[in-house]
Structures are given as C-alpha cells and as structure tokens.
C-alpha cells in the first residue's frame, strides 16, 4: 500500500504526464458491475488501432484491407490481463484442456447510440455479457457492455436485453476481422455467448491475473489514490 504522504507526488505526476491507459487508469471502484473502458477503435475506423503496451500510445496494428469494420466502440479494460484464471474459466465453460490466456488486457465492446468520431478516450461502461472467443487455443474473451447513461442502450443489464441481430453482428466481426482471401483461415471460434454474471466472473478473473503479473503496479496505485 502506498503511503499517504506520497499522494502529492502522485497527483503532481498525474498533472505532468499522461497516464498509461493499461496501467495508469483505474478500472473503477464499482467493477465488475461498472468499468472504465479505454476505446481504441470506433465504427468509422478503417484501421485497427491498439494500445502499444510499452509506451501507452495508440498505434496502428494493421490497416483493414477488406470491408470489415468494428460494429461498436471497441477497446480494453484497464488493469486487466488474460492469464491463467481467465483461461481456467474458458476451460471449465467449454470442457477443454490446454487453453491459455492471450496475454493481453481484456477486450470490451461498448454499445452506444452516439456517433463518437475517434478513439483514445475513456468511457464508463456497464457489462451485460460477452463472447467466449478462442483464438488459436488462447482465451480471448470479448466483454459486451453498454455506455453508462446512454439513452437507448443504457438501461440494458443482461445479454438477454440485446437483440440477436446485434450479437450476430459482433460474432461475424470477430470471426472474420483477421481473415484475408489468401490467409488460409485462422482457428478462431466463439464457443459461447454468456450473460452478465459470467461477464463479471471474467472481469474479476482478469483483475486477479493482472494483480498476479504486475503486483508492484497494483501496490503503487492503490484505490486510496484513485478517488
């Protein structure tokens, strides 16, 4: 736990430097019911952006060479990590062995009626479910959430509130967004569409995985300094 005498130092650093969106942004005190999401991609993007893990800047992962764009706001949940605990949830849910975490922050899709023009922003999101995706033997869950306070989607609380057409659109995107005509196909599958309680369990597991991989960062950024 960080000494309270260090609080002015942390506050000064926060004024002078941009926080790393993975490590320096709090997930929020109400997680997993409400989480902070760092948005990397918006539906108008024709380039796939993602946070550079070393610097925290948004980088070009790849230009989308074919007509496949994200159907929702898409990004990651700060201070999460898909490791052994997330993989174990996937194994239990699917009855399979040998699945590992993908080693990345937890991905999140955020539904909103608003046309947001660019990424590299933070939104408060309410998880309502998720896609249990397996990418080449790696657990790669996609949490589905609604933007807090959104007029159209903000009252949804579980995946059952979400029309099947929206889920189908998300499923199609994630099953095809890495494909190209000559790629030969990559073994990506969505093993399950799950609801709010399972989404909460995945988020909690990813928080525990993060604490296990980055214990020093967790102790340096205690909740007492995040309020």
C-alpha atoms as a PDB file:
ATOM      1  CA  UNK A   1       0.000   0.000   0.000  1.00  0.00           C
ATOM      2  CA  UNK A   2       1.339   3.410  -0.952  1.00  0.00           C
ATOM      3  CA  UNK A   3       1.961   5.797   1.951  1.00  0.00           C
ATOM      4  CA  UNK A   4      -0.491   8.724   2.025  1.00  0.00           C
ATOM      5  CA  UNK A   5       2.489  11.060   2.264  1.00  0.00           C
ATOM      6  CA  UNK A   6       3.245  10.118  -1.340  1.00  0.00           C
ATOM      7  CA  UNK A   7      -0.162  11.369  -2.542  1.00  0.00           C
ATOM      8  CA  UNK A   8       1.080  14.861  -3.564  1.00  0.00           C
ATOM      9  CA  UNK A   9       3.805  13.233  -5.652  1.00  0.00           C
ATOM     10  CA  UNK A  10       1.293  11.030  -7.481  1.00  0.00           C
ATOM     11  CA  UNK A  11      -1.033  13.998  -8.011  1.00  0.00           C
ATOM     12  CA  UNK A  12       1.835  16.043  -9.482  1.00  0.00           C
ATOM     13  CA  UNK A  13       2.881  13.208 -11.779  1.00  0.00           C
ATOM     14  CA  UNK A  14      -0.719  12.924 -12.928  1.00  0.00           C
ATOM     15  CA  UNK A  15      -0.688  16.579 -13.935  1.00  0.00           C
ATOM     16  CA  UNK A  16       2.632  16.395 -15.755  1.00  0.00           C
ATOM     17  CA  UNK A  17       2.296  13.112 -17.601  1.00  0.00           C
ATOM     18  CA  UNK A  18      -0.455  11.251 -19.405  1.00  0.00           C
ATOM     19  CA  UNK A  19      -1.417   8.043 -17.630  1.00  0.00           C
ATOM     20  CA  UNK A  20      -0.663   4.774 -19.388  1.00  0.00           C
ATOM     21  CA  UNK A  21      -4.176   3.589 -20.410  1.00  0.00           C
ATOM     22  CA  UNK A  22      -3.482  -0.011 -19.387  1.00  0.00           C
ATOM     23  CA  UNK A  23      -1.599   0.505 -16.122  1.00  0.00           C
ATOM     24  CA  UNK A  24      -2.290   4.080 -15.039  1.00  0.00           C
ATOM     25  CA  UNK A  25      -6.070   4.304 -15.464  1.00  0.00           C
ATOM     26  CA  UNK A  26      -8.230   2.796 -12.677  1.00  0.00           C
ATOM     27  CA  UNK A  27     -10.872   0.263 -13.651  1.00  0.00           C
ATOM     28  CA  UNK A  28     -13.173   2.000 -11.174  1.00  0.00           C
ATOM     29  CA  UNK A  29     -14.443   1.240  -7.660  1.00  0.00           C
ATOM     30  CA  UNK A  30     -17.671  -0.391  -8.900  1.00  0.00           C
ATOM     31  CA  UNK A  31     -16.018  -3.055 -11.061  1.00  0.00           C
ATOM     32  CA  UNK A  32     -17.102  -5.501 -12.349  1.00  0.00           C
ATOM     33  CA  UNK A  33     -20.631  -4.007 -12.367  1.00  0.00           C
ATOM     34  CA  UNK A  34     -19.364  -0.766 -13.945  1.00  0.00           C
ATOM     35  CA  UNK A  35     -15.923  -0.457 -15.522  1.00  0.00           C
ATOM     36  CA  UNK A  36     -13.775   2.100 -17.243  1.00  0.00           C
ATOM     37  CA  UNK A  37     -13.133   1.208 -20.873  1.00  0.00           C
ATOM     38  CA  UNK A  38     -10.321   2.656 -22.971  1.00  0.00           C
ATOM     39  CA  UNK A  39     -11.665   2.893 -26.514  1.00  0.00           C
ATOM     40  CA  UNK A  40      -9.177   2.147 -29.281  1.00  0.00           C
ATOM     41  CA  UNK A  41     -11.468   1.763 -32.309  1.00  0.00           C
ATOM     42  CA  UNK A  42     -14.764   3.371 -33.351  1.00  0.00           C
ATOM     43  CA  UNK A  43     -17.129   2.068 -36.058  1.00  0.00           C
ATOM     44  CA  UNK A  44     -15.878   4.536 -38.685  1.00  0.00           C
ATOM     45  CA  UNK A  45     -12.249   3.403 -38.411  1.00  0.00           C
ATOM     46  CA  UNK A  46     -10.789   1.538 -41.362  1.00  0.00           C
ATOM     47  CA  UNK A  47      -7.522   0.998 -39.474  1.00  0.00           C
ATOM     48  CA  UNK A  48      -7.184  -1.280 -36.445  1.00  0.00           C
ATOM     49  CA  UNK A  49      -5.598   0.671 -33.618  1.00  0.00           C
ATOM     50  CA  UNK A  50      -4.461  -0.723 -30.292  1.00  0.00           C
ATOM     51  CA  UNK A  51      -2.544   0.494 -27.273  1.00  0.00           C
ATOM     52  CA  UNK A  52       1.200  -0.039 -27.510  1.00  0.00           C
ATOM     53  CA  UNK A  53       1.946  -1.958 -24.324  1.00  0.00           C
ATOM     54  CA  UNK A  54       5.351  -0.369 -23.753  1.00  0.00           C
ATOM     55  CA  UNK A  55       4.561   3.312 -24.321  1.00  0.00           C
ATOM     56  CA  UNK A  56       0.795   3.525 -23.823  1.00  0.00           C
ATOM     57  CA  UNK A  57       0.340   5.405 -27.091  1.00  0.00           C
ATOM     58  CA  UNK A  58      -2.273   4.300 -29.601  1.00  0.00           C
ATOM     59  CA  UNK A  59      -0.567   2.572 -32.512  1.00  0.00           C
ATOM     60  CA  UNK A  60      -1.607   1.245 -35.909  1.00  0.00           C
ATOM     61  CA  UNK A  61      -1.912  -2.511 -35.591  1.00  0.00           C
ATOM     62  CA  UNK A  62      -2.909  -3.006 -39.194  1.00  0.00           C
ATOM     63  CA  UNK A  63      -4.991  -1.302 -41.890  1.00  0.00           C
ATOM     64  CA  UNK A  64      -8.178  -3.200 -42.591  1.00  0.00           C
ATOM     65  CA  UNK A  65      -7.642  -4.327 -46.164  1.00  0.00           C
ATOM     66  CA  UNK A  66     -11.177  -5.602 -46.586  1.00  0.00           C
ATOM     67  CA  UNK A  67     -14.690  -4.374 -45.773  1.00  0.00           C
ATOM     68  CA  UNK A  68     -14.761  -5.238 -42.101  1.00  0.00           C
ATOM     69  CA  UNK A  69     -15.234  -2.500 -39.521  1.00  0.00           C
ATOM     70  CA  UNK A  70     -15.976  -2.740 -35.805  1.00  0.00           C
ATOM     71  CA  UNK A  71     -19.758  -2.550 -35.186  1.00  0.00           C
ATOM     72  CA  UNK A  72     -19.338  -0.917 -31.753  1.00  0.00           C
ATOM     73  CA  UNK A  73     -16.831   1.056 -29.756  1.00  0.00           C
ATOM     74  CA  UNK A  74     -14.009  -1.403 -29.119  1.00  0.00           C
ATOM     75  CA  UNK A  75     -11.126  -1.296 -26.711  1.00  0.00           C
ATOM     76  CA  UNK A  76      -9.767  -2.737 -23.491  1.00  0.00           C
ATOM     77  CA  UNK A  77     -10.384  -2.702 -19.759  1.00  0.00           C
ATOM     78  CA  UNK A  78      -7.509  -1.092 -17.813  1.00  0.00           C
ATOM     79  CA  UNK A  79      -5.627  -3.112 -15.205  1.00  0.00           C
ATOM     80  CA  UNK A  80      -6.812  -6.450 -16.526  1.00  0.00           C
ATOM     81  CA  UNK A  81      -4.830  -9.326 -18.015  1.00  0.00           C
ATOM     82  CA  UNK A  82      -5.972 -12.519 -19.699  1.00  0.00           C
ATOM     83  CA  UNK A  83      -3.857 -15.147 -17.999  1.00  0.00           C
ATOM     84  CA  UNK A  84      -4.284 -18.425 -16.132  1.00  0.00           C
ATOM     85  CA  UNK A  85      -7.509 -17.539 -14.333  1.00  0.00           C
ATOM     86  CA  UNK A  86      -9.285 -16.333 -17.467  1.00  0.00           C
ATOM     87  CA  UNK A  87      -8.059 -19.441 -19.304  1.00  0.00           C
ATOM     88  CA  UNK A  88      -9.345 -21.665 -16.484  1.00  0.00           C
ATOM     89  CA  UNK A  89     -12.818 -20.135 -16.792  1.00  0.00           C
ATOM     90  CA  UNK A  90     -12.756 -20.875 -20.514  1.00  0.00           C
ATOM     91  CA  UNK A  91     -11.652 -24.459 -19.895  1.00  0.00           C
ATOM     92  CA  UNK A  92     -14.427 -25.047 -17.373  1.00  0.00           C
ATOM     93  CA  UNK A  93     -17.081 -23.499 -19.594  1.00  0.00           C
ATOM     94  CA  UNK A  94     -16.054 -25.442 -22.709  1.00  0.00           C
ATOM     95  CA  UNK A  95     -14.830 -28.677 -21.157  1.00  0.00           C
ATOM     96  CA  UNK A  96     -11.500 -28.361 -22.963  1.00  0.00           C
ATOM     97  CA  UNK A  97      -7.921 -28.622 -21.790  1.00  0.00           C
ATOM     98  CA  UNK A  98      -4.787 -26.784 -22.846  1.00  0.00           C
ATOM     99  CA  UNK A  99      -6.298 -23.308 -23.267  1.00  0.00           C
ATOM    100  CA  UNK A 100      -4.070 -20.407 -22.229  1.00  0.00           C
ATOM    101  CA  UNK A 101      -4.715 -16.705 -21.786  1.00  0.00           C
ATOM    102  CA  UNK A 102      -3.748 -14.474 -24.688  1.00  0.00           C
ATOM    103  CA  UNK A 103      -1.544 -12.242 -22.503  1.00  0.00           C
ATOM    104  CA  UNK A 104      -3.420  -9.049 -23.351  1.00  0.00           C
ATOM    105  CA  UNK A 105      -5.769  -6.730 -21.470  1.00  0.00           C
ATOM    106  CA  UNK A 106      -9.411  -7.827 -21.520  1.00  0.00           C
ATOM    107  CA  UNK A 107     -11.237  -6.664 -24.656  1.00  0.00           C
ATOM    108  CA  UNK A 108     -14.559  -4.829 -24.435  1.00  0.00           C
ATOM    109  CA  UNK A 109     -17.257  -3.763 -26.910  1.00  0.00           C
ATOM    110  CA  UNK A 110     -19.378  -0.809 -25.806  1.00  0.00           C
ATOM    111  CA  UNK A 111     -22.803  -0.133 -27.301  1.00  0.00           C
ATOM    112  CA  UNK A 112     -23.955   3.465 -27.585  1.00  0.00           C
ATOM    113  CA  UNK A 113     -26.332   5.438 -29.774  1.00  0.00           C
ATOM    114  CA  UNK A 114     -23.824   8.279 -30.029  1.00  0.00           C
ATOM    115  CA  UNK A 115     -21.564   8.701 -33.053  1.00  0.00           C
ATOM    116  CA  UNK A 116     -18.126   9.035 -31.455  1.00  0.00           C
ATOM    117  CA  UNK A 117     -15.567  10.155 -34.009  1.00  0.00           C
ATOM    118  CA  UNK A 118     -12.269   8.892 -32.623  1.00  0.00           C
ATOM    119  CA  UNK A 119     -10.696   6.536 -30.152  1.00  0.00           C
ATOM    120  CA  UNK A 120      -8.149   7.040 -27.361  1.00  0.00           C
ATOM    121  CA  UNK A 121     -10.931   8.039 -24.973  1.00  0.00           C
ATOM    122  CA  UNK A 122     -12.310   6.679 -21.703  1.00  0.00           C
ATOM    123  CA  UNK A 123     -15.954   5.737 -21.195  1.00  0.00           C
ATOM    124  CA  UNK A 124     -17.852   4.277 -18.264  1.00  0.00           C
ATOM    125  CA  UNK A 125     -19.434   1.014 -19.328  1.00  0.00           C
ATOM    126  CA  UNK A 126     -21.881  -1.490 -17.821  1.00  0.00           C
ATOM    127  CA  UNK A 127     -21.007  -5.089 -18.771  1.00  0.00           C
ATOM    128  CA  UNK A 128     -24.068  -7.139 -19.808  1.00  0.00           C
ATOM    129  CA  UNK A 129     -22.408 -10.261 -21.223  1.00  0.00           C
ATOM    130  CA  UNK A 130     -19.684 -11.414 -23.522  1.00  0.00           C
ATOM    131  CA  UNK A 131     -18.345 -13.719 -26.204  1.00  0.00           C
ATOM    132  CA  UNK A 132     -16.155 -16.603 -25.086  1.00  0.00           C
ATOM    133  CA  UNK A 133     -13.769 -16.465 -28.001  1.00  0.00           C
ATOM    134  CA  UNK A 134     -10.881 -18.884 -28.526  1.00  0.00           C
ATOM    135  CA  UNK A 135      -8.176 -17.714 -30.907  1.00  0.00           C
ATOM    136  CA  UNK A 136      -5.662 -20.410 -31.832  1.00  0.00           C
ATOM    137  CA  UNK A 137      -6.010 -22.056 -28.437  1.00  0.00           C
ATOM    138  CA  UNK A 138      -5.948 -18.785 -26.470  1.00  0.00           C
ATOM    139  CA  UNK A 139      -8.796 -17.399 -24.366  1.00  0.00           C
ATOM    140  CA  UNK A 140      -9.696 -14.059 -25.950  1.00  0.00           C
ATOM    141  CA  UNK A 141     -12.982 -13.034 -24.318  1.00  0.00           C
ATOM    142  CA  UNK A 142     -14.893 -10.042 -25.637  1.00  0.00           C
ATOM    143  CA  UNK A 143     -16.956  -8.336 -22.948  1.00  0.00           C
ATOM    144  CA  UNK A 144     -20.160  -6.739 -24.254  1.00  0.00           C
ATOM    145  CA  UNK A 145     -21.210  -3.588 -22.413  1.00  0.00           C
ATOM    146  CA  UNK A 146     -23.431  -0.530 -22.737  1.00  0.00           C
ATOM    147  CA  UNK A 147     -22.292   3.024 -22.174  1.00  0.00           C
ATOM    148  CA  UNK A 148     -23.421   4.263 -18.787  1.00  0.00           C
ATOM    149  CA  UNK A 149     -26.212   6.808 -19.181  1.00  0.00           C
ATOM    150  CA  UNK A 150     -26.813   6.050 -22.869  1.00  0.00           C
ATOM    151  CA  UNK A 151     -30.403   6.939 -23.787  1.00  0.00           C
ATOM    152  CA  UNK A 152     -31.007   3.884 -25.990  1.00  0.00           C
ATOM    153  CA  UNK A 153     -28.787   1.171 -24.504  1.00  0.00           C
ATOM    154  CA  UNK A 154     -28.045   2.442 -21.004  1.00  0.00           C
ATOM    155  CA  UNK A 155     -30.864   0.563 -19.261  1.00  0.00           C
ATOM    156  CA  UNK A 156     -29.828  -2.864 -20.586  1.00  0.00           C
ATOM    157  CA  UNK A 157     -28.489  -5.048 -17.809  1.00  0.00           C
ATOM    158  CA  UNK A 158     -28.066  -8.517 -19.349  1.00  0.00           C
ATOM    159  CA  UNK A 159     -27.326 -10.086 -22.704  1.00  0.00           C
ATOM    160  CA  UNK A 160     -30.995 -11.127 -22.897  1.00  0.00           C
ATOM    161  CA  UNK A 161     -31.842  -7.436 -23.386  1.00  0.00           C
ATOM    162  CA  UNK A 162     -29.672  -7.327 -26.518  1.00  0.00           C
ATOM    163  CA  UNK A 163     -31.305  -8.211 -29.871  1.00  0.00           C
ATOM    164  CA  UNK A 164     -29.924 -11.323 -31.563  1.00  0.00           C
ATOM    165  CA  UNK A 165     -29.031  -9.239 -34.633  1.00  0.00           C
ATOM    166  CA  UNK A 166     -26.560  -7.179 -32.574  1.00  0.00           C
ATOM    167  CA  UNK A 167     -24.921 -10.323 -31.202  1.00  0.00           C
ATOM    168  CA  UNK A 168     -24.771 -11.819 -34.704  1.00  0.00           C
ATOM    169  CA  UNK A 169     -23.040  -8.697 -35.996  1.00  0.00           C
ATOM    170  CA  UNK A 170     -20.423  -8.880 -33.252  1.00  0.00           C
ATOM    171  CA  UNK A 171     -19.926 -12.599 -33.817  1.00  0.00           C
ATOM    172  CA  UNK A 172     -19.401 -12.056 -37.541  1.00  0.00           C
ATOM    173  CA  UNK A 173     -16.899  -9.276 -36.952  1.00  0.00           C
ATOM    174  CA  UNK A 174     -14.697 -11.249 -34.590  1.00  0.00           C
ATOM    175  CA  UNK A 175     -14.869 -14.410 -36.664  1.00  0.00           C
ATOM    176  CA  UNK A 176     -13.775 -12.608 -39.832  1.00  0.00           C
ATOM    177  CA  UNK A 177     -11.765  -9.480 -38.938  1.00  0.00           C
ATOM    178  CA  UNK A 178      -8.415 -11.260 -39.274  1.00  0.00           C
ATOM    179  CA  UNK A 179      -9.257 -13.078 -42.490  1.00  0.00           C
ATOM    180  CA  UNK A 180      -7.882 -12.378 -45.945  1.00  0.00           C
ATOM    181  CA  UNK A 181      -8.510 -14.278 -49.197  1.00  0.00           C
ATOM    182  CA  UNK A 182      -5.115 -15.986 -49.068  1.00  0.00           C
ATOM    183  CA  UNK A 183      -4.729 -16.388 -45.284  1.00  0.00           C
ATOM    184  CA  UNK A 184      -5.866 -19.991 -45.246  1.00  0.00           C
ATOM    185  CA  UNK A 185      -8.041 -19.239 -42.211  1.00  0.00           C
ATOM    186  CA  UNK A 186      -7.111 -18.949 -38.554  1.00  0.00           C
ATOM    187  CA  UNK A 187      -8.696 -21.229 -35.961  1.00  0.00           C
ATOM    188  CA  UNK A 188     -10.919 -18.601 -34.321  1.00  0.00           C
ATOM    189  CA  UNK A 189     -14.187 -19.649 -32.744  1.00  0.00           C
ATOM    190  CA  UNK A 190     -16.802 -18.289 -30.404  1.00  0.00           C
ATOM    191  CA  UNK A 191     -17.603 -21.130 -28.039  1.00  0.00           C
ATOM    192  CA  UNK A 192     -20.320 -19.353 -26.079  1.00  0.00           C
ATOM    193  CA  UNK A 193     -22.337 -16.183 -25.712  1.00  0.00           C
ATOM    194  CA  UNK A 194     -22.725 -15.540 -21.979  1.00  0.00           C
ATOM    195  CA  UNK A 195     -24.628 -13.181 -19.721  1.00  0.00           C
ATOM    196  CA  UNK A 196     -23.860 -10.623 -17.058  1.00  0.00           C
ATOM    197  CA  UNK A 197     -22.834 -12.948 -14.236  1.00  0.00           C
ATOM    198  CA  UNK A 198     -20.328 -14.781 -16.427  1.00  0.00           C
ATOM    199  CA  UNK A 199     -19.007 -11.434 -17.697  1.00  0.00           C
ATOM    200  CA  UNK A 200     -18.474 -10.305 -14.102  1.00  0.00           C
ATOM    201  CA  UNK A 201     -16.574 -13.533 -13.407  1.00  0.00           C
ATOM    202  CA  UNK A 202     -14.303 -12.998 -16.428  1.00  0.00           C
ATOM    203  CA  UNK A 203     -13.583  -9.403 -15.412  1.00  0.00           C
ATOM    204  CA  UNK A 204     -12.797 -10.426 -11.830  1.00  0.00           C
ATOM    205  CA  UNK A 205     -10.520 -13.221 -13.078  1.00  0.00           C
ATOM    206  CA  UNK A 206      -8.700 -10.787 -15.380  1.00  0.00           C
ATOM    207  CA  UNK A 207      -8.193  -8.381 -12.474  1.00  0.00           C
ATOM    208  CA  UNK A 208      -6.709 -11.206 -10.411  1.00  0.00           C
ATOM    209  CA  UNK A 209      -4.494 -12.230 -13.334  1.00  0.00           C
ATOM    210  CA  UNK A 210      -3.287  -8.629 -13.624  1.00  0.00           C
ATOM    211  CA  UNK A 211      -2.501  -8.461  -9.901  1.00  0.00           C
ATOM    212  CA  UNK A 212      -0.502 -11.668 -10.230  1.00  0.00           C
ATOM    213  CA  UNK A 213       1.536 -10.426 -13.196  1.00  0.00           C
ATOM    214  CA  UNK A 214       2.003  -6.811 -12.044  1.00  0.00           C
ATOM    215  CA  UNK A 215       1.937  -6.886  -8.215  1.00  0.00           C
ATOM    216  CA  UNK A 216       4.226  -3.873  -7.922  1.00  0.00           C
ATOM    217  CA  UNK A 217       1.963  -1.698 -10.054  1.00  0.00           C
ATOM    218  CA  UNK A 218      -1.074  -2.732  -8.054  1.00  0.00           C
ATOM    219  CA  UNK A 219       0.553  -1.740  -4.765  1.00  0.00           C
ATOM    220  CA  UNK A 220       1.798   1.571  -6.213  1.00  0.00           C
ATOM    221  CA  UNK A 221      -1.642   2.568  -7.496  1.00  0.00           C
ATOM    222  CA  UNK A 222      -3.884   1.776  -4.537  1.00  0.00           C
ATOM    223  CA  UNK A 223      -7.563   2.703  -4.620  1.00  0.00           C
ATOM    224  CA  UNK A 224      -6.920   5.384  -1.960  1.00  0.00           C
ATOM    225  CA  UNK A 225      -5.120   7.440  -4.598  1.00  0.00           C
ATOM    226  CA  UNK A 226      -7.694   6.815  -7.346  1.00  0.00           C
ATOM    227  CA  UNK A 227     -10.644   8.629  -5.830  1.00  0.00           C
END
